[in-house]
N, C-alpha and C. Protein backbone atom coordinates (compact mmCIF):
# COMPACT_ATOMS: atom_id res chain seq x y z
N MET A 1 -19.79 31.28 12.41
CA MET A 1 -19.45 29.90 12.67
C MET A 1 -17.93 29.76 12.67
N HIS A 2 -17.41 29.12 13.69
CA HIS A 2 -15.97 28.92 13.82
C HIS A 2 -15.66 27.45 13.54
N CYS A 3 -14.73 27.21 12.64
CA CYS A 3 -14.37 25.85 12.26
C CYS A 3 -13.05 25.49 12.92
N LEU A 4 -13.05 24.46 13.74
CA LEU A 4 -11.84 24.02 14.43
C LEU A 4 -11.05 23.11 13.51
N ILE A 5 -9.82 23.50 13.21
CA ILE A 5 -8.95 22.68 12.38
C ILE A 5 -7.98 21.96 13.31
N SER A 6 -7.89 20.66 13.14
CA SER A 6 -7.06 19.84 14.00
C SER A 6 -6.52 18.67 13.19
N VAL A 7 -5.83 17.76 13.85
CA VAL A 7 -5.37 16.54 13.18
C VAL A 7 -6.57 15.61 12.99
N PRO A 8 -6.51 14.72 12.00
CA PRO A 8 -7.59 13.74 11.85
C PRO A 8 -7.72 12.91 13.12
N SER A 9 -8.96 12.59 13.49
CA SER A 9 -9.16 11.81 14.72
C SER A 9 -9.34 10.32 14.44
N GLN A 10 -9.37 9.93 13.17
CA GLN A 10 -9.46 8.52 12.81
C GLN A 10 -8.51 8.22 11.66
N ALA A 11 -8.12 6.97 11.57
CA ALA A 11 -7.28 6.50 10.46
C ALA A 11 -8.11 6.42 9.18
N PRO A 12 -7.45 6.35 8.03
CA PRO A 12 -8.18 6.13 6.79
C PRO A 12 -9.05 4.87 6.89
N SER A 13 -10.16 4.86 6.19
CA SER A 13 -11.08 3.72 6.23
C SER A 13 -10.80 2.76 5.08
N GLY A 14 -11.36 1.56 5.20
CA GLY A 14 -11.27 0.57 4.12
C GLY A 14 -9.86 0.17 3.75
N PHE A 15 -8.97 0.11 4.73
CA PHE A 15 -7.56 -0.21 4.45
C PHE A 15 -7.40 -1.68 4.12
N THR A 16 -6.87 -1.97 2.92
CA THR A 16 -6.63 -3.35 2.50
C THR A 16 -5.25 -3.45 1.86
N VAL A 17 -4.66 -4.61 1.96
CA VAL A 17 -3.41 -4.91 1.27
C VAL A 17 -3.57 -6.25 0.57
N THR A 18 -3.04 -6.33 -0.65
CA THR A 18 -3.19 -7.53 -1.47
C THR A 18 -1.88 -7.83 -2.17
N ALA A 19 -1.44 -9.07 -2.08
CA ALA A 19 -0.22 -9.47 -2.80
C ALA A 19 -0.48 -9.38 -4.29
N SER A 20 0.39 -8.65 -4.99
CA SER A 20 0.27 -8.50 -6.44
C SER A 20 1.12 -9.54 -7.15
N THR A 21 2.35 -9.70 -6.69
CA THR A 21 3.29 -10.66 -7.26
C THR A 21 4.11 -11.25 -6.11
N SER A 22 5.15 -11.99 -6.46
CA SER A 22 6.03 -12.55 -5.43
C SER A 22 6.91 -11.49 -4.80
N THR A 23 6.96 -10.28 -5.38
CA THR A 23 7.80 -9.23 -4.83
C THR A 23 7.07 -7.90 -4.66
N SER A 24 5.75 -7.91 -4.78
CA SER A 24 5.02 -6.64 -4.62
C SER A 24 3.66 -6.85 -3.95
N ILE A 25 3.25 -5.82 -3.22
CA ILE A 25 1.97 -5.81 -2.52
C ILE A 25 1.33 -4.45 -2.77
N THR A 26 0.02 -4.46 -3.05
CA THR A 26 -0.72 -3.22 -3.28
C THR A 26 -1.55 -2.89 -2.05
N ALA A 27 -1.42 -1.67 -1.57
CA ALA A 27 -2.19 -1.17 -0.42
C ALA A 27 -3.18 -0.12 -0.93
N SER A 28 -4.40 -0.14 -0.42
CA SER A 28 -5.38 0.88 -0.79
C SER A 28 -6.23 1.23 0.41
N TRP A 29 -6.80 2.45 0.38
CA TRP A 29 -7.59 2.96 1.50
C TRP A 29 -8.42 4.13 1.00
N GLN A 30 -9.34 4.60 1.84
CA GLN A 30 -10.13 5.79 1.55
C GLN A 30 -9.87 6.83 2.63
N LEU A 31 -10.33 8.04 2.37
CA LEU A 31 -10.23 9.11 3.36
C LEU A 31 -10.90 8.69 4.66
N PRO A 32 -10.46 9.24 5.79
CA PRO A 32 -11.21 9.00 7.03
C PRO A 32 -12.64 9.54 6.86
N PRO A 33 -13.57 9.10 7.69
CA PRO A 33 -14.93 9.64 7.61
C PRO A 33 -14.89 11.17 7.72
N LYS A 34 -15.81 11.83 7.05
CA LYS A 34 -15.82 13.29 6.99
C LYS A 34 -15.79 13.94 8.37
N TYR A 35 -16.56 13.39 9.33
CA TYR A 35 -16.62 13.97 10.67
C TYR A 35 -15.29 13.83 11.43
N ALA A 36 -14.40 12.95 10.96
CA ALA A 36 -13.13 12.70 11.65
C ALA A 36 -11.94 13.39 10.99
N ARG A 37 -12.19 14.13 9.92
CA ARG A 37 -11.08 14.77 9.19
C ARG A 37 -10.60 16.05 9.87
N HIS A 38 -11.49 16.84 10.41
CA HIS A 38 -11.17 18.08 11.12
C HIS A 38 -10.33 19.04 10.29
N GLY A 39 -10.69 19.18 9.04
CA GLY A 39 -9.98 20.05 8.11
C GLY A 39 -9.66 19.29 6.84
N ILE A 40 -8.71 19.80 6.10
CA ILE A 40 -8.34 19.20 4.81
C ILE A 40 -7.22 18.18 5.01
N ILE A 41 -7.45 16.98 4.51
CA ILE A 41 -6.42 15.94 4.54
C ILE A 41 -5.41 16.29 3.45
N THR A 42 -4.15 16.46 3.82
CA THR A 42 -3.13 16.85 2.84
C THR A 42 -2.28 15.68 2.36
N GLY A 43 -2.39 14.52 3.01
CA GLY A 43 -1.64 13.36 2.56
C GLY A 43 -1.79 12.18 3.48
N PHE A 44 -1.01 11.15 3.15
CA PHE A 44 -1.05 9.89 3.89
C PHE A 44 0.37 9.39 4.11
N LYS A 45 0.54 8.59 5.15
CA LYS A 45 1.81 7.92 5.40
C LYS A 45 1.53 6.43 5.49
N LEU A 46 2.20 5.67 4.65
CA LEU A 46 2.08 4.22 4.65
C LEU A 46 3.33 3.65 5.28
N PHE A 47 3.16 2.80 6.29
CA PHE A 47 4.26 2.16 6.99
C PHE A 47 4.25 0.67 6.67
N TYR A 48 5.44 0.10 6.41
CA TYR A 48 5.49 -1.35 6.23
C TYR A 48 6.84 -1.89 6.67
N ALA A 49 6.81 -3.16 7.09
CA ALA A 49 8.02 -3.85 7.53
C ALA A 49 7.76 -5.35 7.46
N LYS A 50 8.82 -6.12 7.35
CA LYS A 50 8.69 -7.57 7.44
C LYS A 50 8.10 -7.90 8.80
N LYS A 51 7.21 -8.85 8.83
CA LYS A 51 6.57 -9.25 10.09
C LYS A 51 7.64 -9.75 11.07
N ASP A 52 7.46 -9.37 12.33
CA ASP A 52 8.33 -9.80 13.43
C ASP A 52 9.77 -9.30 13.31
N THR A 53 9.98 -8.16 12.63
CA THR A 53 11.33 -7.60 12.60
C THR A 53 11.44 -6.48 13.63
N VAL A 54 12.65 -6.25 14.07
CA VAL A 54 12.92 -5.19 15.04
C VAL A 54 13.38 -3.95 14.28
N GLY A 55 13.01 -2.79 14.75
CA GLY A 55 13.43 -1.56 14.10
C GLY A 55 12.25 -0.80 13.52
N SER A 56 12.55 0.34 12.98
CA SER A 56 11.51 1.21 12.43
C SER A 56 11.05 0.69 11.08
N PRO A 57 9.74 0.79 10.83
CA PRO A 57 9.24 0.39 9.51
C PRO A 57 9.61 1.43 8.45
N THR A 58 9.53 1.04 7.20
CA THR A 58 9.69 1.97 6.09
C THR A 58 8.44 2.83 6.01
N MET A 59 8.61 4.13 5.77
CA MET A 59 7.47 5.03 5.67
C MET A 59 7.47 5.68 4.30
N LEU A 60 6.33 5.66 3.63
CA LEU A 60 6.15 6.33 2.35
C LEU A 60 5.11 7.43 2.53
N THR A 61 5.47 8.68 2.25
CA THR A 61 4.54 9.80 2.35
C THR A 61 4.01 10.07 0.95
N ASN A 62 2.69 10.23 0.83
CA ASN A 62 2.07 10.38 -0.48
C ASN A 62 0.75 11.11 -0.36
N ASN A 63 0.13 11.39 -1.49
CA ASN A 63 -1.20 12.00 -1.47
C ASN A 63 -2.18 11.22 -2.32
N VAL A 64 -1.93 9.92 -2.47
CA VAL A 64 -2.82 9.03 -3.22
C VAL A 64 -3.43 8.01 -2.27
N THR A 65 -4.44 7.28 -2.72
CA THR A 65 -5.10 6.28 -1.87
C THR A 65 -4.83 4.85 -2.34
N CYS A 66 -3.81 4.67 -3.16
CA CYS A 66 -3.43 3.33 -3.60
C CYS A 66 -1.95 3.35 -3.98
N LEU A 67 -1.20 2.42 -3.41
CA LEU A 67 0.23 2.31 -3.71
C LEU A 67 0.59 0.85 -3.90
N THR A 68 1.47 0.57 -4.85
CA THR A 68 2.06 -0.76 -4.99
C THR A 68 3.51 -0.67 -4.55
N ILE A 69 3.86 -1.47 -3.57
CA ILE A 69 5.22 -1.50 -3.04
C ILE A 69 5.91 -2.69 -3.68
N SER A 70 7.02 -2.43 -4.35
CA SER A 70 7.74 -3.51 -5.03
C SER A 70 9.12 -3.69 -4.42
N GLY A 71 9.84 -4.70 -4.87
CA GLY A 71 11.16 -4.98 -4.33
C GLY A 71 11.11 -5.74 -3.02
N LEU A 72 9.96 -6.34 -2.71
CA LEU A 72 9.82 -7.10 -1.47
C LEU A 72 10.36 -8.51 -1.66
N ASP A 73 10.55 -9.22 -0.55
CA ASP A 73 11.06 -10.59 -0.61
C ASP A 73 9.95 -11.57 -0.97
N ASN A 74 10.32 -12.60 -1.70
CA ASN A 74 9.42 -13.65 -2.14
C ASN A 74 8.80 -14.40 -0.95
N TYR A 75 7.50 -14.63 -1.02
CA TYR A 75 6.74 -15.43 -0.04
C TYR A 75 7.08 -15.03 1.40
N THR A 76 6.98 -13.73 1.69
CA THR A 76 7.33 -13.18 2.99
C THR A 76 6.17 -12.34 3.51
N GLU A 77 5.89 -12.46 4.82
CA GLU A 77 4.83 -11.66 5.42
C GLU A 77 5.33 -10.27 5.77
N TYR A 78 4.48 -9.27 5.47
CA TYR A 78 4.76 -7.87 5.80
C TYR A 78 3.60 -7.29 6.58
N GLU A 79 3.91 -6.37 7.48
CA GLU A 79 2.90 -5.66 8.26
C GLU A 79 2.75 -4.25 7.70
N PHE A 80 1.51 -3.79 7.57
CA PHE A 80 1.22 -2.48 6.99
C PHE A 80 0.30 -1.68 7.92
N GLN A 81 0.53 -0.36 7.95
CA GLN A 81 -0.37 0.58 8.61
C GLN A 81 -0.40 1.85 7.77
N VAL A 82 -1.48 2.61 7.88
CA VAL A 82 -1.60 3.87 7.17
C VAL A 82 -2.20 4.92 8.10
N LEU A 83 -1.83 6.18 7.88
CA LEU A 83 -2.46 7.28 8.61
C LEU A 83 -2.68 8.43 7.65
N ALA A 84 -3.62 9.29 8.00
CA ALA A 84 -3.88 10.52 7.25
C ALA A 84 -3.30 11.68 8.04
N PHE A 85 -2.86 12.73 7.32
CA PHE A 85 -2.38 13.91 8.03
C PHE A 85 -2.93 15.18 7.40
N SER A 86 -2.93 16.22 8.21
CA SER A 86 -3.37 17.55 7.77
C SER A 86 -2.23 18.52 8.05
N SER A 87 -2.47 19.79 7.79
CA SER A 87 -1.44 20.79 8.06
C SER A 87 -1.13 20.89 9.55
N LYS A 88 -2.02 20.36 10.40
CA LYS A 88 -1.81 20.40 11.85
C LYS A 88 -1.05 19.18 12.39
N GLY A 89 -0.90 18.14 11.58
CA GLY A 89 -0.15 16.97 12.04
C GLY A 89 -0.78 15.65 11.64
N ASP A 90 -0.21 14.57 12.20
CA ASP A 90 -0.63 13.20 11.88
C ASP A 90 -1.85 12.76 12.68
N GLY A 91 -2.73 12.04 12.02
CA GLY A 91 -3.81 11.36 12.71
C GLY A 91 -3.32 10.01 13.21
N PRO A 92 -4.19 9.22 13.81
CA PRO A 92 -3.78 7.91 14.32
C PRO A 92 -3.53 6.91 13.20
N LYS A 93 -2.66 5.95 13.48
CA LYS A 93 -2.40 4.87 12.53
C LYS A 93 -3.57 3.89 12.52
N SER A 94 -3.74 3.24 11.39
CA SER A 94 -4.74 2.17 11.28
C SER A 94 -4.27 0.96 12.07
N SER A 95 -5.14 -0.01 12.20
CA SER A 95 -4.73 -1.30 12.75
C SER A 95 -3.73 -1.94 11.79
N VAL A 96 -2.89 -2.82 12.31
CA VAL A 96 -1.91 -3.51 11.47
C VAL A 96 -2.63 -4.53 10.58
N VAL A 97 -2.26 -4.54 9.31
CA VAL A 97 -2.77 -5.53 8.36
C VAL A 97 -1.55 -6.30 7.85
N VAL A 98 -1.65 -7.63 7.84
CA VAL A 98 -0.53 -8.48 7.42
C VAL A 98 -0.87 -9.12 6.08
N GLU A 99 0.10 -9.12 5.18
CA GLU A 99 -0.06 -9.79 3.88
C GLU A 99 1.26 -10.43 3.51
N ARG A 100 1.17 -11.58 2.82
CA ARG A 100 2.35 -12.32 2.37
C ARG A 100 2.47 -12.15 0.86
N THR A 101 3.69 -11.86 0.39
CA THR A 101 3.90 -11.83 -1.05
C THR A 101 3.65 -13.22 -1.61
N LYS A 102 3.37 -13.28 -2.90
CA LYS A 102 3.08 -14.57 -3.52
C LYS A 102 4.36 -15.40 -3.64
N GLU A 103 4.15 -16.70 -3.77
CA GLU A 103 5.28 -17.60 -3.95
C GLU A 103 5.60 -17.64 -5.44
N ASP A 104 6.90 -17.65 -5.76
CA ASP A 104 7.28 -17.79 -7.16
C ASP A 104 6.72 -19.10 -7.69
N GLY A 105 5.99 -19.03 -8.78
CA GLY A 105 5.39 -20.24 -9.34
C GLY A 105 6.25 -20.82 -10.44
N LYS A 106 6.45 -22.12 -10.39
CA LYS A 106 7.27 -22.77 -11.42
C LYS A 106 6.61 -22.70 -12.78
N ILE A 107 5.29 -22.53 -12.79
CA ILE A 107 4.59 -22.44 -14.06
C ILE A 107 5.04 -21.21 -14.85
N PHE A 108 5.54 -20.20 -14.17
CA PHE A 108 5.94 -18.96 -14.84
C PHE A 108 7.46 -18.88 -15.05
N LYS A 109 8.19 -19.97 -14.81
CA LYS A 109 9.64 -19.93 -14.96
C LYS A 109 9.99 -19.50 -16.39
N ASN A 110 10.94 -18.58 -16.50
CA ASN A 110 11.43 -18.05 -17.77
C ASN A 110 10.37 -17.28 -18.56
N GLN A 111 9.31 -16.85 -17.91
CA GLN A 111 8.29 -16.03 -18.57
C GLN A 111 8.46 -14.59 -18.12
N LEU A 112 8.23 -13.65 -19.01
CA LEU A 112 8.38 -12.24 -18.72
C LEU A 112 7.01 -11.60 -18.69
N PHE A 113 6.71 -10.89 -17.59
CA PHE A 113 5.44 -10.20 -17.42
C PHE A 113 5.69 -8.74 -17.15
N TYR A 114 4.70 -7.92 -17.43
CA TYR A 114 4.75 -6.49 -17.13
C TYR A 114 3.50 -6.15 -16.34
N LEU A 115 3.67 -5.54 -15.16
CA LEU A 115 2.55 -5.18 -14.30
C LEU A 115 2.29 -3.69 -14.44
N ALA A 116 1.07 -3.34 -14.78
CA ALA A 116 0.68 -1.92 -14.88
C ALA A 116 -0.52 -1.69 -13.98
N THR A 117 -0.52 -0.56 -13.29
CA THR A 117 -1.66 -0.17 -12.47
C THR A 117 -2.35 1.00 -13.14
N VAL A 118 -3.63 0.82 -13.43
CA VAL A 118 -4.42 1.85 -14.09
C VAL A 118 -5.34 2.46 -13.05
N HIS A 119 -5.36 3.77 -12.96
CA HIS A 119 -6.22 4.47 -12.00
C HIS A 119 -7.35 5.17 -12.76
N LEU A 120 -8.54 4.68 -12.59
CA LEU A 120 -9.72 5.35 -13.12
C LEU A 120 -10.52 5.75 -11.89
N ARG A 121 -11.72 5.23 -11.75
CA ARG A 121 -12.45 5.44 -10.50
C ARG A 121 -11.92 4.50 -9.42
N HIS A 122 -11.47 3.35 -9.83
CA HIS A 122 -10.86 2.36 -8.93
C HIS A 122 -9.54 1.96 -9.57
N HIS A 123 -8.62 1.44 -8.76
CA HIS A 123 -7.37 1.00 -9.37
C HIS A 123 -7.56 -0.40 -9.94
N LEU A 124 -6.82 -0.68 -10.99
CA LEU A 124 -6.91 -1.96 -11.67
C LEU A 124 -5.50 -2.40 -12.01
N ASN A 125 -5.10 -3.56 -11.51
CA ASN A 125 -3.80 -4.10 -11.86
C ASN A 125 -3.96 -4.97 -13.09
N ILE A 126 -3.12 -4.75 -14.08
CA ILE A 126 -3.18 -5.52 -15.32
C ILE A 126 -1.83 -6.19 -15.49
N LEU A 127 -1.83 -7.49 -15.69
CA LEU A 127 -0.60 -8.26 -15.88
C LEU A 127 -0.52 -8.67 -17.34
N PHE A 128 0.49 -8.16 -18.05
CA PHE A 128 0.67 -8.48 -19.46
C PHE A 128 1.73 -9.56 -19.60
N HIS A 129 1.44 -10.58 -20.39
CA HIS A 129 2.44 -11.61 -20.69
C HIS A 129 3.23 -11.11 -21.88
N VAL A 130 4.54 -10.92 -21.71
CA VAL A 130 5.36 -10.35 -22.76
C VAL A 130 6.01 -11.44 -23.60
N GLY A 131 6.39 -12.55 -23.00
CA GLY A 131 7.02 -13.62 -23.74
C GLY A 131 7.94 -14.45 -22.89
N GLU A 132 8.69 -15.30 -23.54
CA GLU A 132 9.61 -16.18 -22.83
C GLU A 132 11.00 -15.56 -22.80
N VAL A 133 11.68 -15.76 -21.69
CA VAL A 133 13.03 -15.27 -21.51
C VAL A 133 13.99 -16.42 -21.71
N ASN A 134 14.96 -16.25 -22.59
CA ASN A 134 15.97 -17.28 -22.81
C ASN A 134 17.16 -16.97 -21.93
N ARG A 135 17.35 -17.79 -20.91
CA ARG A 135 18.45 -17.56 -19.96
C ARG A 135 19.59 -18.54 -20.18
N GLY A 136 19.62 -19.19 -21.32
CA GLY A 136 20.71 -20.12 -21.62
C GLY A 136 20.69 -21.37 -20.79
N GLU A 137 19.50 -21.79 -20.33
CA GLU A 137 19.41 -22.99 -19.49
C GLU A 137 19.24 -24.23 -20.34
């Protein structure tokens, strides 16, 4: 039996993006379907950019199926795509998914939070309230 190794013929499945905070968005996905992998998937490339901007998007190369992108602008729409790659090259990009970061809430003014992502079988974002920040106001 001869096994043909090639680039993936489909993008990762189940691609979703969710605003985590006013400056971060979490993207997650699964491997492409087994019949579309054509060998071993060695990693993923996540592309993102502000919606309607000109120029190349930011690309993050990784080997995980969940990433939180931070340092984004408050209440701003971003476009995301993901692809899987093998030793033979890149597979096709997913469809574009758009998500807006959350709006800064006045209810949280001067409050300090810590965001942690826990990876078990599924990822879980946990937001810890640390306390109030005294900014001399």
